[in-house]
Amino acid sequence: MYLKSKPEQLELTASATMFYDDLVEKCKKGDSRSYETLYQQYAKAMYNTSLRIVNNSSDAEDVLQEAFMDAFRYLNDFNYKSTFGAWLKRIVINKSINILRKHKADLVDIDKASVQEMPNDEVLDEEQIQFKVAEVKKAITMLPNGYRTVLTLYLFEGYDHEEIADIMRISQSTVRTQYHRAKQKLLHIIKQGGAK
């Protein structure tokens, strides 16, 4: 059994923080057991992150493997401006988004869409709906790719609209629209009992 290594937070100046990690340093020096430990430490969380975005276990497994291959290949470029986990998560998210692009996820740019192209979604009162975790998770998997991706990045991964726009290479107004519609669609699915 391996001990989990936690990054040390080193304050350099009032504005710069470095996150030193012994395990990452051992990997940089070629220690094969450290590679295995690092993989075991992050694999499940990174798989779940990808799965929430791509909504397909096979694609999520591919993303996980490719992300770790890239992370290990470019580990010497990792400069501790964030934790290793945050750096790896960004790789996983980018690869997951690329999978969706390959599958041609439908994202409507609000700046380019006309009023007639916008679906008329009914507005639902969030407070009237009793949420159950299993139902919500299942309902999220039923969302269209674009909606699910924006909702996942915002709610589960903690990115703001600007960061999501940058990651997905779409406008911030599109992100806001996708997020709003994703919430409404999610509430509609749950209200209609579609998540059962």
Protein backbone atom coordinates (compact mmCIF):
# COMPACT_ATOMS: atom_id res chain seq x y z
CA MET A 1 0.00 0.00 0.00
CA TYR A 2 1.29 3.41 -0.95
CA LEU A 3 0.96 6.55 1.11
CA LYS A 4 -0.76 9.42 -0.59
CA SER A 5 1.46 12.40 -1.07
CA LYS A 6 -0.09 15.81 -0.49
CA PRO A 7 1.41 18.84 -2.16
CA GLU A 8 3.12 21.36 0.09
CA GLN A 9 2.02 24.92 -0.45
CA LEU A 10 5.03 27.20 -0.56
CA GLU A 11 4.47 30.96 -0.37
CA LEU A 12 6.96 32.78 -2.58
CA THR A 13 5.49 36.26 -2.64
CA ALA A 14 2.11 37.76 -1.85
CA SER A 15 0.95 36.88 -5.37
CA ALA A 16 2.79 33.65 -6.21
CA THR A 17 2.18 30.27 -4.64
CA MET A 18 3.88 27.01 -5.58
CA PHE A 19 2.51 23.56 -4.81
CA TYR A 20 5.46 21.21 -4.28
CA ASP A 21 4.71 17.49 -4.45
CA ASP A 22 7.28 14.83 -3.45
CA LEU A 23 5.49 12.16 -5.48
CA VAL A 24 5.63 14.27 -8.64
CA GLU A 25 9.33 14.91 -8.04
CA LYS A 26 9.98 11.17 -7.70
CA CYS A 27 8.17 10.63 -11.00
CA LYS A 28 10.28 13.32 -12.63
CA LYS A 29 13.32 11.33 -11.49
CA GLY A 30 11.94 8.18 -13.15
CA ASP A 31 10.70 6.24 -10.10
CA SER A 32 8.22 3.73 -11.60
CA ARG A 33 6.45 3.02 -8.29
CA SER A 34 5.70 6.73 -7.97
CA TYR A 35 4.10 6.74 -11.41
CA GLU A 36 1.83 3.91 -10.33
CA THR A 37 1.00 5.65 -7.04
CA LEU A 38 0.23 8.93 -8.79
CA TYR A 39 -2.03 7.11 -11.24
CA GLN A 40 -3.89 5.31 -8.43
CA GLN A 41 -4.27 8.56 -6.51
CA TYR A 42 -5.99 10.43 -9.36
CA ALA A 43 -7.45 7.85 -11.75
CA LYS A 44 -10.93 7.48 -10.26
CA ALA A 45 -11.56 11.23 -9.89
CA MET A 46 -10.27 11.96 -13.39
CA TYR A 47 -12.36 9.14 -14.89
CA ASN A 48 -15.47 10.53 -13.18
CA THR A 49 -14.68 14.04 -14.43
CA SER A 50 -14.41 12.78 -17.99
CA LEU A 51 -17.49 10.56 -17.71
CA ARG A 52 -19.62 13.50 -16.60
CA ILE A 53 -18.57 15.34 -19.76
CA VAL A 54 -18.49 12.62 -22.43
CA ASN A 55 -21.29 10.49 -20.96
CA ASN A 56 -19.73 7.29 -22.31
CA SER A 57 -17.59 4.94 -20.22
CA SER A 58 -15.46 3.79 -23.15
CA ASP A 59 -14.66 7.37 -24.16
CA ALA A 60 -13.97 8.29 -20.52
CA GLU A 61 -11.53 5.38 -20.21
CA ASP A 62 -9.76 6.50 -23.40
CA VAL A 63 -9.57 10.07 -22.12
CA LEU A 64 -8.16 8.85 -18.80
CA GLN A 65 -5.41 6.82 -20.45
CA GLU A 66 -4.51 9.56 -22.94
CA ALA A 67 -4.50 12.22 -20.22
CA PHE A 68 -2.11 10.24 -18.03
CA MET A 69 0.12 9.44 -21.00
CA ASP A 70 0.35 13.15 -21.81
CA ALA A 71 0.79 14.13 -18.17
CA PHE A 72 3.64 11.66 -17.70
CA ARG A 73 5.19 12.55 -21.07
CA TYR A 74 5.21 16.27 -20.22
CA LEU A 75 5.74 15.96 -16.47
CA ASN A 76 9.02 17.88 -16.66
CA ASP A 77 7.02 20.84 -17.99
CA PHE A 78 4.82 20.82 -14.87
CA ASN A 79 6.02 23.88 -12.93
CA TYR A 80 3.94 23.79 -9.71
CA LYS A 81 1.87 26.89 -10.51
CA SER A 82 -1.06 24.71 -9.45
CA THR A 83 -1.43 21.32 -7.86
CA PHE A 84 -0.71 18.29 -10.02
CA GLY A 85 -4.39 17.33 -9.69
CA ALA A 86 -5.58 20.68 -11.07
CA TRP A 87 -3.09 20.43 -13.95
CA LEU A 88 -4.20 16.88 -14.73
CA LYS A 89 -7.89 17.80 -14.49
CA ARG A 90 -7.38 20.51 -17.12
CA ILE A 91 -5.82 17.90 -19.43
CA VAL A 92 -8.75 15.52 -18.82
CA ILE A 93 -11.32 18.24 -19.46
CA ASN A 94 -9.62 19.38 -22.66
CA LYS A 95 -9.42 15.81 -23.96
CA SER A 96 -13.07 15.20 -23.02
CA ILE A 97 -14.13 18.34 -24.89
CA ASN A 98 -12.12 17.16 -27.90
CA ILE A 99 -14.03 13.85 -27.85
CA LEU A 100 -17.30 15.78 -27.94
CA ARG A 101 -16.00 17.88 -30.82
CA LYS A 102 -15.20 14.69 -32.71
CA HIS A 103 -18.78 13.60 -32.12
CA LYS A 104 -19.90 17.07 -33.24
CA ALA A 105 -21.66 18.18 -30.08
CA ASP A 106 -24.41 20.69 -30.78
CA LEU A 107 -23.61 24.08 -29.31
CA VAL A 108 -25.69 27.01 -30.49
CA ASP A 109 -23.86 30.33 -30.39
CA ILE A 110 -26.34 32.87 -29.05
CA ASP A 111 -24.57 35.65 -30.94
CA LYS A 112 -25.09 33.86 -34.27
CA ALA A 113 -28.50 32.28 -33.73
CA SER A 114 -31.72 33.91 -34.77
CA VAL A 115 -34.76 34.08 -32.50
CA GLN A 116 -36.57 31.40 -34.52
CA GLU A 117 -33.72 28.90 -33.89
CA MET A 118 -34.06 29.26 -30.13
CA PRO A 119 -36.33 26.64 -28.58
CA ASN A 120 -39.06 27.95 -26.31
CA ASP A 121 -38.35 26.18 -23.02
CA GLU A 122 -40.95 26.42 -20.30
CA VAL A 123 -39.66 28.00 -17.12
CA LEU A 124 -39.83 25.65 -14.16
CA ASP A 125 -39.76 26.55 -10.50
CA GLU A 126 -36.72 24.86 -8.97
CA GLU A 127 -38.15 25.01 -5.45
CA GLN A 128 -41.16 22.87 -6.42
CA ILE A 129 -39.04 19.89 -7.39
CA GLN A 130 -37.77 17.43 -4.81
CA PHE A 131 -34.25 16.42 -5.79
CA LYS A 132 -32.77 12.99 -5.25
CA VAL A 133 -29.10 12.53 -6.04
CA ALA A 134 -29.54 9.38 -8.12
CA GLU A 135 -32.30 10.96 -10.19
CA VAL A 136 -30.27 14.08 -10.84
CA LYS A 137 -27.20 12.08 -11.90
CA LYS A 138 -29.25 9.98 -14.27
CA ALA A 139 -31.06 13.04 -15.62
CA ILE A 140 -27.72 14.74 -16.32
CA THR A 141 -26.69 11.81 -18.50
CA MET A 142 -29.86 12.39 -20.55
CA LEU A 143 -28.90 15.97 -21.44
CA PRO A 144 -27.55 16.80 -24.91
CA ASN A 145 -23.73 16.94 -25.01
CA GLY A 146 -23.44 20.72 -25.05
CA TYR A 147 -25.81 21.20 -22.13
CA ARG A 148 -24.23 18.39 -20.10
CA THR A 149 -20.70 19.67 -20.69
CA VAL A 150 -21.40 23.25 -19.64
CA LEU A 151 -23.44 22.14 -16.62
CA THR A 152 -20.72 19.70 -15.53
CA LEU A 153 -17.89 22.18 -15.91
CA TYR A 154 -19.80 24.83 -13.97
CA LEU A 155 -21.45 22.81 -11.20
CA PHE A 156 -19.09 19.88 -10.66
CA GLU A 157 -15.71 21.17 -11.79
CA GLY A 158 -16.08 24.71 -10.48
CA TYR A 159 -15.19 26.64 -13.62
CA ASP A 160 -16.77 30.04 -14.22
CA HIS A 161 -18.43 31.09 -17.49
CA GLU A 162 -15.30 32.79 -18.80
CA GLU A 163 -13.13 29.71 -18.16
CA ILE A 164 -15.71 27.43 -19.77
CA ALA A 165 -15.86 29.69 -22.82
CA ASP A 166 -12.08 29.48 -23.09
CA ILE A 167 -12.00 25.69 -22.63
CA MET A 168 -14.79 25.04 -25.13
CA ARG A 169 -13.78 27.82 -27.54
CA ILE A 170 -17.24 29.37 -27.56
CA SER A 171 -18.52 32.77 -26.48
CA GLN A 172 -19.41 33.55 -22.87
CA SER A 173 -22.97 34.34 -23.94
CA THR A 174 -23.21 30.85 -25.44
CA VAL A 175 -21.95 29.37 -22.17
CA ARG A 176 -24.56 31.32 -20.19
CA THR A 177 -27.31 30.28 -22.60
CA GLN A 178 -26.23 26.63 -22.58
CA TYR A 179 -26.04 26.65 -18.78
CA HIS A 180 -29.48 28.21 -18.37
CA ARG A 181 -31.03 25.82 -20.89
CA ALA A 182 -29.25 22.84 -19.32
CA LYS A 183 -30.76 23.68 -15.92
CA GLN A 184 -34.22 24.09 -17.42
CA LYS A 185 -33.92 20.86 -19.43
CA LEU A 186 -32.63 19.02 -16.36
CA LEU A 187 -35.54 20.26 -14.27
CA HIS A 188 -37.96 19.29 -17.04
CA ILE A 189 -36.51 15.75 -17.25
CA ILE A 190 -36.80 15.32 -13.49
CA LYS A 191 -40.28 16.82 -13.33
CA GLN A 192 -41.50 14.51 -16.11
CA GLY A 193 -40.00 11.50 -14.31
CA GLY A 194 -37.62 10.81 -17.19
CA ALA A 195 -34.74 10.07 -14.84
CA LYS A 196 -36.40 7.00 -13.30
